Amino acid sequence: MAELKGSRAVLERHEVEMFLALAEELHFGRTAERVGITTGRVSQTIKKLERMLGAPLFERTSRQVHLTPIGRQLADDLTPLVAGMNDAERRAIDAGRGITGDLSVGFLSGVAGQLLLKSVALSAKRHHDCEVHIHETQGARRRHPSEERRHRRPDHRHPHCRPA
């Protein structure tokens, strides 16, 4: 539950996520469904946040919900912070599972390359800290490492991967 510590408000993560969901949905029913609680609980939580912050965050009518200017500013300020927290949590989980580092993948044919690109795109969405390098191989014959250095094509980072 949100509370005041000294003169500053302390927001709980679930309250922030509920506020952001309502700011995006602008509908109490869809927000409740998305968050997995009742519409009454959404309404109650938003009212508590508004009391704690001392300002209305939403304008409500029987048919519409709109963000107030204060609510819009709060949503704009909180969105990147929540995204950063989610990214940090995901990176920690991936590191705990050992899903970090570099992966170099080669392919022989254009068809395999297309399939590989789709797989790498999916992997990049799931494992941001695993950098994938893709290269086309020259054929099925395996080269000796000294020969490989002379003939190596530059690695191509998949455009959806980002550095760790």
Foldseek 3Di string as FASTA:
>chain_A
DWDDDPNDIDDDPLLLVLLLLCQVVQDLCVSCVVSVHDSVVSVVSQVVVCVSVVHHQWDDDPVTIHGDPVVVVSSVVCVVVVVVVVVVVLQVVCVVVVLAEEAEEEAADPVVVVVVLVVVLVVCVNRQRYWYWYYYDPDDDDDDVVVCVVPPDDTDTRPSHDHD
